Amino acid sequence: MNLTVQFDCANINWDSVSQILNLVGMASFPAEIHKKAFENSWTVVFVFERDKLVGFGRALSDGAYQAAIYDLAILPEYQSRGIGRLIVDSIKTSLPQCNFILYAAPGKEKFYEKLNFRRMKTGMALFFKSKEMQSKGFTE
């Protein structure tokens, strides 16, 4: 695999971002919404095989001690090849002093546990589409 990693939003095909998020069952918005979200993030990571976008992730942070990882998605045919780990490690490297939180897509918790993330006992969420997120298994 010949992978390239990009740490900015230059020349990203935002329709591909929406399609990948939709394909893996995550929140998918119109391309311009994802563009805004990624451009307003503390750090972004995009992974390409040649010119094909195969995965990405981003983090919000105060830059001091707290960060949250969002929109970590890998094309299904590229999963289990270390790309998710590469993205998470890149995000962690950009914020070495920070605690990290995230919510995993249902069924993906084991992946994050392998990266030393632990379940929180007091995690809470207030989702805009609360019924939809409950039906997808994100909340009780």
N, C-alpha and C. Protein backbone atom coordinates (compact mmCIF):
# COMPACT_ATOMS: atom_id res chain seq x y z
N MET A 1 0.85 -1.18 0.00
CA MET A 1 0.00 0.00 0.00
C MET A 1 0.89 1.24 0.00
N ASN A 2 0.63 2.14 -0.89
CA ASN A 2 1.37 3.38 -0.99
C ASN A 2 0.49 4.52 -0.46
N LEU A 3 0.61 4.82 0.84
CA LEU A 3 -0.25 5.81 1.49
C LEU A 3 0.42 7.16 1.60
N THR A 4 -0.39 8.21 1.47
CA THR A 4 0.06 9.57 1.71
C THR A 4 -0.85 10.16 2.78
N VAL A 5 -0.25 10.93 3.69
CA VAL A 5 -1.02 11.56 4.76
C VAL A 5 -0.98 13.07 4.55
N GLN A 6 -2.13 13.70 4.68
CA GLN A 6 -2.25 15.15 4.51
C GLN A 6 -2.84 15.73 5.79
N PHE A 7 -2.25 16.85 6.25
CA PHE A 7 -2.66 17.47 7.51
C PHE A 7 -3.33 18.83 7.31
N ASP A 8 -3.94 19.05 6.17
CA ASP A 8 -4.71 20.27 5.94
C ASP A 8 -5.87 19.95 5.02
N CYS A 9 -6.70 20.95 4.76
CA CYS A 9 -7.92 20.73 3.99
C CYS A 9 -7.77 21.10 2.51
N ALA A 10 -6.56 21.33 2.05
CA ALA A 10 -6.35 21.74 0.67
C ALA A 10 -6.75 20.64 -0.31
N ASN A 11 -7.52 21.01 -1.30
CA ASN A 11 -7.89 20.13 -2.41
C ASN A 11 -8.62 18.85 -2.00
N ILE A 12 -9.37 18.91 -0.92
CA ILE A 12 -10.15 17.75 -0.49
C ILE A 12 -11.47 17.73 -1.27
N ASN A 13 -11.85 16.55 -1.72
CA ASN A 13 -13.14 16.37 -2.37
C ASN A 13 -14.16 16.11 -1.26
N TRP A 14 -14.91 17.13 -0.91
CA TRP A 14 -15.82 17.04 0.23
C TRP A 14 -17.00 16.13 -0.05
N ASP A 15 -17.34 15.95 -1.32
CA ASP A 15 -18.37 14.95 -1.66
C ASP A 15 -17.90 13.56 -1.28
N SER A 16 -16.60 13.28 -1.47
CA SER A 16 -16.04 11.98 -1.06
C SER A 16 -16.11 11.80 0.44
N VAL A 17 -15.85 12.87 1.18
CA VAL A 17 -15.95 12.80 2.65
C VAL A 17 -17.37 12.42 3.05
N SER A 18 -18.36 13.10 2.48
CA SER A 18 -19.77 12.78 2.78
C SER A 18 -20.10 11.34 2.41
N GLN A 19 -19.63 10.90 1.25
CA GLN A 19 -19.93 9.54 0.79
C GLN A 19 -19.31 8.49 1.71
N ILE A 20 -18.06 8.71 2.13
CA ILE A 20 -17.39 7.74 3.01
C ILE A 20 -18.10 7.68 4.35
N LEU A 21 -18.44 8.83 4.92
CA LEU A 21 -19.14 8.83 6.20
C LEU A 21 -20.48 8.12 6.08
N ASN A 22 -21.19 8.35 5.01
CA ASN A 22 -22.46 7.67 4.78
C ASN A 22 -22.26 6.17 4.61
N LEU A 23 -21.25 5.79 3.86
CA LEU A 23 -20.96 4.38 3.59
C LEU A 23 -20.68 3.60 4.88
N VAL A 24 -19.98 4.23 5.84
CA VAL A 24 -19.65 3.53 7.08
C VAL A 24 -20.71 3.75 8.18
N GLY A 25 -21.81 4.41 7.83
CA GLY A 25 -22.93 4.55 8.76
C GLY A 25 -22.78 5.66 9.77
N MET A 26 -21.95 6.64 9.46
CA MET A 26 -21.78 7.77 10.37
C MET A 26 -22.57 8.97 9.86
N ALA A 27 -22.59 10.03 10.67
CA ALA A 27 -23.33 11.24 10.31
C ALA A 27 -22.81 11.80 8.99
N SER A 28 -23.69 11.92 8.05
CA SER A 28 -23.30 12.45 6.76
C SER A 28 -24.14 13.68 6.46
N PHE A 29 -23.47 14.76 6.18
CA PHE A 29 -24.11 16.02 5.87
C PHE A 29 -23.70 16.42 4.45
N PRO A 30 -24.30 17.46 3.93
CA PRO A 30 -23.84 17.95 2.62
C PRO A 30 -22.35 18.32 2.69
N ALA A 31 -21.70 18.24 1.54
CA ALA A 31 -20.25 18.46 1.45
C ALA A 31 -19.81 19.76 2.11
N GLU A 32 -20.55 20.83 1.91
CA GLU A 32 -20.13 22.13 2.45
C GLU A 32 -20.15 22.16 3.98
N ILE A 33 -21.00 21.35 4.59
CA ILE A 33 -21.05 21.27 6.06
C ILE A 33 -19.79 20.55 6.57
N HIS A 34 -19.42 19.45 5.93
CA HIS A 34 -18.19 18.75 6.33
C HIS A 34 -16.97 19.64 6.12
N LYS A 35 -16.95 20.37 5.04
CA LYS A 35 -15.83 21.29 4.77
C LYS A 35 -15.69 22.28 5.93
N LYS A 36 -16.80 22.88 6.34
CA LYS A 36 -16.78 23.84 7.44
C LYS A 36 -16.30 23.19 8.74
N ALA A 37 -16.81 21.98 9.02
CA ALA A 37 -16.43 21.29 10.26
C ALA A 37 -14.94 20.98 10.28
N PHE A 38 -14.40 20.45 9.19
CA PHE A 38 -12.99 20.11 9.15
C PHE A 38 -12.12 21.36 9.19
N GLU A 39 -12.51 22.41 8.48
CA GLU A 39 -11.72 23.64 8.49
C GLU A 39 -11.71 24.31 9.85
N ASN A 40 -12.73 24.07 10.67
CA ASN A 40 -12.80 24.67 12.00
C ASN A 40 -12.22 23.75 13.08
N SER A 41 -11.58 22.69 12.69
CA SER A 41 -11.01 21.74 13.65
C SER A 41 -9.58 22.11 13.99
N TRP A 42 -9.13 21.65 15.16
CA TRP A 42 -7.75 21.90 15.59
C TRP A 42 -6.76 21.17 14.69
N THR A 43 -7.07 19.92 14.39
CA THR A 43 -6.20 19.13 13.52
C THR A 43 -7.06 18.25 12.63
N VAL A 44 -6.57 18.02 11.42
CA VAL A 44 -7.24 17.13 10.48
C VAL A 44 -6.20 16.19 9.89
N VAL A 45 -6.66 15.00 9.56
CA VAL A 45 -5.78 13.99 8.95
C VAL A 45 -6.57 13.34 7.82
N PHE A 46 -6.00 13.36 6.63
CA PHE A 46 -6.58 12.70 5.46
C PHE A 46 -5.56 11.70 4.95
N VAL A 47 -6.01 10.49 4.63
CA VAL A 47 -5.11 9.45 4.12
C VAL A 47 -5.57 9.07 2.71
N PHE A 48 -4.59 9.03 1.82
CA PHE A 48 -4.84 8.70 0.42
C PHE A 48 -4.01 7.49 0.01
N GLU A 49 -4.58 6.68 -0.86
CA GLU A 49 -3.78 5.71 -1.59
C GLU A 49 -3.76 6.25 -3.02
N ARG A 50 -2.59 6.66 -3.44
CA ARG A 50 -2.44 7.41 -4.69
C ARG A 50 -3.33 8.64 -4.59
N ASP A 51 -4.32 8.81 -5.45
CA ASP A 51 -5.19 9.99 -5.38
C ASP A 51 -6.55 9.69 -4.75
N LYS A 52 -6.71 8.48 -4.24
CA LYS A 52 -8.00 8.06 -3.69
C LYS A 52 -8.04 8.30 -2.17
N LEU A 53 -9.03 9.07 -1.72
CA LEU A 53 -9.23 9.29 -0.29
C LEU A 53 -9.74 7.99 0.32
N VAL A 54 -9.00 7.45 1.30
CA VAL A 54 -9.37 6.16 1.90
C VAL A 54 -9.74 6.28 3.38
N GLY A 55 -9.39 7.41 4.02
CA GLY A 55 -9.73 7.59 5.42
C GLY A 55 -9.41 8.99 5.90
N PHE A 56 -9.98 9.34 7.04
CA PHE A 56 -9.76 10.67 7.59
C PHE A 56 -10.24 10.72 9.03
N GLY A 57 -9.90 11.78 9.71
CA GLY A 57 -10.36 12.06 11.06
C GLY A 57 -10.00 13.48 11.42
N ARG A 58 -10.55 13.95 12.51
CA ARG A 58 -10.28 15.32 12.94
C ARG A 58 -10.42 15.41 14.45
N ALA A 59 -9.90 16.48 15.02
CA ALA A 59 -10.04 16.72 16.45
C ALA A 59 -10.35 18.18 16.72
N LEU A 60 -11.22 18.39 17.69
CA LEU A 60 -11.47 19.70 18.25
C LEU A 60 -10.68 19.78 19.54
N SER A 61 -10.18 20.96 19.87
CA SER A 61 -9.39 21.06 21.09
C SER A 61 -9.30 22.49 21.58
N ASP A 62 -8.99 22.62 22.87
CA ASP A 62 -8.63 23.93 23.42
C ASP A 62 -7.13 24.15 23.27
N GLY A 63 -6.41 23.11 22.85
CA GLY A 63 -4.97 23.22 22.66
C GLY A 63 -4.18 23.21 23.96
N ALA A 64 -4.86 23.04 25.06
CA ALA A 64 -4.20 23.05 26.36
C ALA A 64 -4.26 21.69 27.04
N TYR A 65 -5.50 21.16 27.24
CA TYR A 65 -5.60 19.88 27.92
C TYR A 65 -6.78 19.01 27.52
N GLN A 66 -7.67 19.48 26.65
CA GLN A 66 -8.82 18.67 26.25
C GLN A 66 -8.93 18.62 24.73
N ALA A 67 -9.31 17.46 24.22
CA ALA A 67 -9.54 17.29 22.79
C ALA A 67 -10.61 16.23 22.58
N ALA A 68 -11.27 16.32 21.46
CA ALA A 68 -12.30 15.35 21.09
C ALA A 68 -12.07 14.94 19.64
N ILE A 69 -12.09 13.65 19.41
CA ILE A 69 -11.89 13.11 18.07
C ILE A 69 -13.26 12.88 17.43
N TYR A 70 -13.37 13.32 16.19
CA TYR A 70 -14.62 13.18 15.43
C TYR A 70 -14.34 12.69 14.03
N ASP A 71 -15.37 12.14 13.42
CA ASP A 71 -15.38 11.80 11.99
C ASP A 71 -14.21 10.92 11.56
N LEU A 72 -13.82 9.99 12.40
CA LEU A 72 -12.79 9.02 12.01
C LEU A 72 -13.48 7.95 11.17
N ALA A 73 -13.12 7.90 9.90
CA ALA A 73 -13.77 6.96 8.98
C ALA A 73 -12.76 6.42 7.98
N ILE A 74 -12.86 5.13 7.73
CA ILE A 74 -12.00 4.44 6.78
C ILE A 74 -12.91 3.68 5.82
N LEU A 75 -12.62 3.76 4.52
CA LEU A 75 -13.38 2.95 3.58
C LEU A 75 -13.34 1.48 4.02
N PRO A 76 -14.46 0.79 3.96
CA PRO A 76 -14.50 -0.59 4.46
C PRO A 76 -13.41 -1.50 3.90
N GLU A 77 -13.11 -1.39 2.62
CA GLU A 77 -12.09 -2.27 2.03
C GLU A 77 -10.66 -1.92 2.47
N TYR A 78 -10.50 -0.80 3.19
CA TYR A 78 -9.19 -0.40 3.72
C TYR A 78 -9.10 -0.57 5.23
N GLN A 79 -10.18 -1.01 5.87
CA GLN A 79 -10.15 -1.21 7.31
C GLN A 79 -9.27 -2.40 7.67
N SER A 80 -8.77 -2.41 8.89
CA SER A 80 -7.89 -3.47 9.42
C SER A 80 -6.54 -3.49 8.73
N ARG A 81 -6.10 -2.34 8.25
CA ARG A 81 -4.78 -2.22 7.63
C ARG A 81 -3.89 -1.20 8.35
N GLY A 82 -4.34 -0.74 9.52
CA GLY A 82 -3.54 0.20 10.30
C GLY A 82 -3.80 1.66 10.00
N ILE A 83 -4.73 1.95 9.12
CA ILE A 83 -5.01 3.35 8.75
C ILE A 83 -5.68 4.10 9.89
N GLY A 84 -6.62 3.46 10.56
CA GLY A 84 -7.27 4.10 11.71
C GLY A 84 -6.27 4.42 12.80
N ARG A 85 -5.38 3.49 13.07
CA ARG A 85 -4.33 3.71 14.07
C ARG A 85 -3.44 4.88 13.64
N LEU A 86 -3.09 4.93 12.37
CA LEU A 86 -2.27 6.02 11.84
C LEU A 86 -2.94 7.37 12.06
N ILE A 87 -4.23 7.44 11.80
CA ILE A 87 -4.97 8.68 11.97
C ILE A 87 -5.02 9.08 13.44
N VAL A 88 -5.37 8.14 14.31
CA VAL A 88 -5.45 8.45 15.75
C VAL A 88 -4.08 8.85 16.28
N ASP A 89 -3.03 8.12 15.91
CA ASP A 89 -1.69 8.47 16.37
C ASP A 89 -1.28 9.86 15.89
N SER A 90 -1.64 10.21 14.67
CA SER A 90 -1.32 11.54 14.14
C SER A 90 -2.05 12.63 14.93
N ILE A 91 -3.31 12.39 15.24
CA ILE A 91 -4.08 13.35 16.03
C ILE A 91 -3.46 13.49 17.42
N LYS A 92 -3.15 12.37 18.06
CA LYS A 92 -2.55 12.41 19.40
C LYS A 92 -1.20 13.14 19.38
N THR A 93 -0.42 12.94 18.35
CA THR A 93 0.88 13.61 18.24
C THR A 93 0.72 15.12 18.13
N SER A 94 -0.35 15.57 17.47
CA SER A 94 -0.57 17.01 17.31
C SER A 94 -1.03 17.67 18.61
N LEU A 95 -1.47 16.88 19.58
CA LEU A 95 -1.97 17.39 20.86
C LEU A 95 -1.42 16.52 22.00
N PRO A 96 -0.11 16.48 22.18
CA PRO A 96 0.50 15.51 23.10
C PRO A 96 0.12 15.68 24.56
N GLN A 97 -0.30 16.85 24.97
CA GLN A 97 -0.61 17.11 26.38
C GLN A 97 -2.08 16.93 26.71
N CYS A 98 -2.88 16.50 25.74
CA CYS A 98 -4.33 16.51 25.92
C CYS A 98 -4.92 15.17 26.31
N ASN A 99 -6.03 15.25 27.05
CA ASN A 99 -6.94 14.13 27.24
C ASN A 99 -7.81 14.07 26.00
N PHE A 100 -8.24 12.88 25.62
CA PHE A 100 -9.08 12.72 24.44
C PHE A 100 -10.38 12.03 24.81
N ILE A 101 -11.46 12.50 24.22
CA ILE A 101 -12.74 11.82 24.30
C ILE A 101 -13.23 11.58 22.87
N LEU A 102 -14.14 10.64 22.72
CA LEU A 102 -14.77 10.39 21.43
C LEU A 102 -15.97 9.53 21.68
N TYR A 103 -16.85 9.46 20.71
CA TYR A 103 -17.87 8.43 20.77
C TYR A 103 -17.68 7.56 19.54
N ALA A 104 -17.65 6.27 19.80
CA ALA A 104 -17.40 5.29 18.74
C ALA A 104 -18.71 4.90 18.09
N ALA A 105 -18.64 4.60 16.80
CA ALA A 105 -19.80 4.03 16.14
C ALA A 105 -20.08 2.68 16.79
N PRO A 106 -21.34 2.35 17.03
CA PRO A 106 -21.65 1.06 17.65
C PRO A 106 -20.96 -0.08 16.90
N GLY A 107 -20.29 -0.93 17.67
CA GLY A 107 -19.56 -2.05 17.10
C GLY A 107 -18.08 -1.78 16.88
N LYS A 108 -17.66 -0.52 17.01
CA LYS A 108 -16.25 -0.16 16.78
C LYS A 108 -15.49 0.10 18.09
N GLU A 109 -16.12 -0.18 19.21
CA GLU A 109 -15.48 0.09 20.50
C GLU A 109 -14.17 -0.68 20.66
N LYS A 110 -14.13 -1.91 20.20
CA LYS A 110 -12.92 -2.74 20.35
C LYS A 110 -11.72 -2.11 19.67
N PHE A 111 -11.93 -1.48 18.52
CA PHE A 111 -10.83 -0.80 17.83
C PHE A 111 -10.19 0.24 18.74
N TYR A 112 -11.02 1.06 19.38
CA TYR A 112 -10.49 2.12 20.24
C TYR A 112 -9.87 1.55 21.51
N GLU A 113 -10.42 0.46 22.01
CA GLU A 113 -9.83 -0.19 23.19
C GLU A 113 -8.41 -0.66 22.88
N LYS A 114 -8.15 -1.14 21.65
CA LYS A 114 -6.79 -1.54 21.25
C LYS A 114 -5.83 -0.37 21.26
N LEU A 115 -6.36 0.85 21.14
CA LEU A 115 -5.54 2.06 21.15
C LEU A 115 -5.51 2.71 22.54
N ASN A 116 -5.91 1.96 23.55
CA ASN A 116 -5.88 2.36 24.96
C ASN A 116 -6.98 3.33 25.38
N PHE A 117 -8.00 3.50 24.56
CA PHE A 117 -9.16 4.27 25.01
C PHE A 117 -9.96 3.38 25.94
N ARG A 118 -10.61 3.98 26.93
CA ARG A 118 -11.41 3.23 27.88
C ARG A 118 -12.82 3.81 27.92
N ARG A 119 -13.77 2.94 28.21
CA ARG A 119 -15.16 3.39 28.32
C ARG A 119 -15.29 4.35 29.50
N MET A 120 -16.10 5.37 29.30
CA MET A 120 -16.35 6.33 30.37
C MET A 120 -17.62 5.92 31.12
N LYS A 121 -17.61 6.11 32.42
CA LYS A 121 -18.79 5.78 33.22
C LYS A 121 -19.78 6.93 33.28
N THR A 122 -19.33 8.13 32.95
CA THR A 122 -20.20 9.29 33.10
C THR A 122 -20.41 10.04 31.79
N GLY A 123 -20.10 9.42 30.67
CA GLY A 123 -20.30 10.09 29.38
C GLY A 123 -21.77 10.39 29.14
N MET A 124 -22.04 11.56 28.67
CA MET A 124 -23.41 12.00 28.39
C MET A 124 -23.44 12.63 27.01
N ALA A 125 -24.61 12.65 26.39
CA ALA A 125 -24.74 13.27 25.08
C ALA A 125 -26.10 13.95 24.96
N LEU A 126 -26.12 15.02 24.23
CA LEU A 126 -27.36 15.71 23.88
C LEU A 126 -27.29 15.91 22.37
N PHE A 127 -27.91 14.99 21.63
CA PHE A 127 -27.85 15.02 20.18
C PHE A 127 -29.00 15.81 19.60
N PHE A 128 -28.75 16.50 18.52
CA PHE A 128 -29.78 17.26 17.79
C PHE A 128 -30.87 16.31 17.32
N LYS A 129 -30.49 15.18 16.76
CA LYS A 129 -31.46 14.17 16.30
C LYS A 129 -31.43 13.01 17.30
N SER A 130 -31.93 13.26 18.49
CA SER A 130 -31.78 12.31 19.59
C SER A 130 -32.44 10.95 19.31
N LYS A 131 -33.63 10.93 18.72
CA LYS A 131 -34.31 9.66 18.43
C LYS A 131 -33.51 8.84 17.42
N GLU A 132 -32.98 9.50 16.40
CA GLU A 132 -32.18 8.79 15.39
C GLU A 132 -30.91 8.22 16.01
N MET A 133 -30.23 8.99 16.85
CA MET A 133 -29.01 8.50 17.49
C MET A 133 -29.30 7.37 18.46
N GLN A 134 -30.45 7.41 19.12
CA GLN A 134 -30.85 6.33 20.00
C GLN A 134 -31.11 5.07 19.16
N SER A 135 -31.78 5.20 18.04
CA SER A 135 -32.07 4.04 17.19
C SER A 135 -30.80 3.42 16.60
N LYS A 136 -29.76 4.23 16.45
CA LYS A 136 -28.49 3.73 15.92
C LYS A 136 -27.61 3.13 17.01
N GLY A 137 -28.05 3.24 18.27
CA GLY A 137 -27.32 2.62 19.37
C GLY A 137 -26.32 3.50 20.09
N PHE A 138 -26.36 4.82 19.85
CA PHE A 138 -25.41 5.71 20.50
C PHE A 138 -25.83 6.10 21.92
N THR A 139 -27.13 6.11 22.20
CA THR A 139 -27.61 6.47 23.53
C THR A 139 -28.64 5.46 24.02
N GLU A 140 -28.88 5.50 25.31
CA GLU A 140 -29.87 4.59 25.92
C GLU A 140 -31.26 5.07 25.63
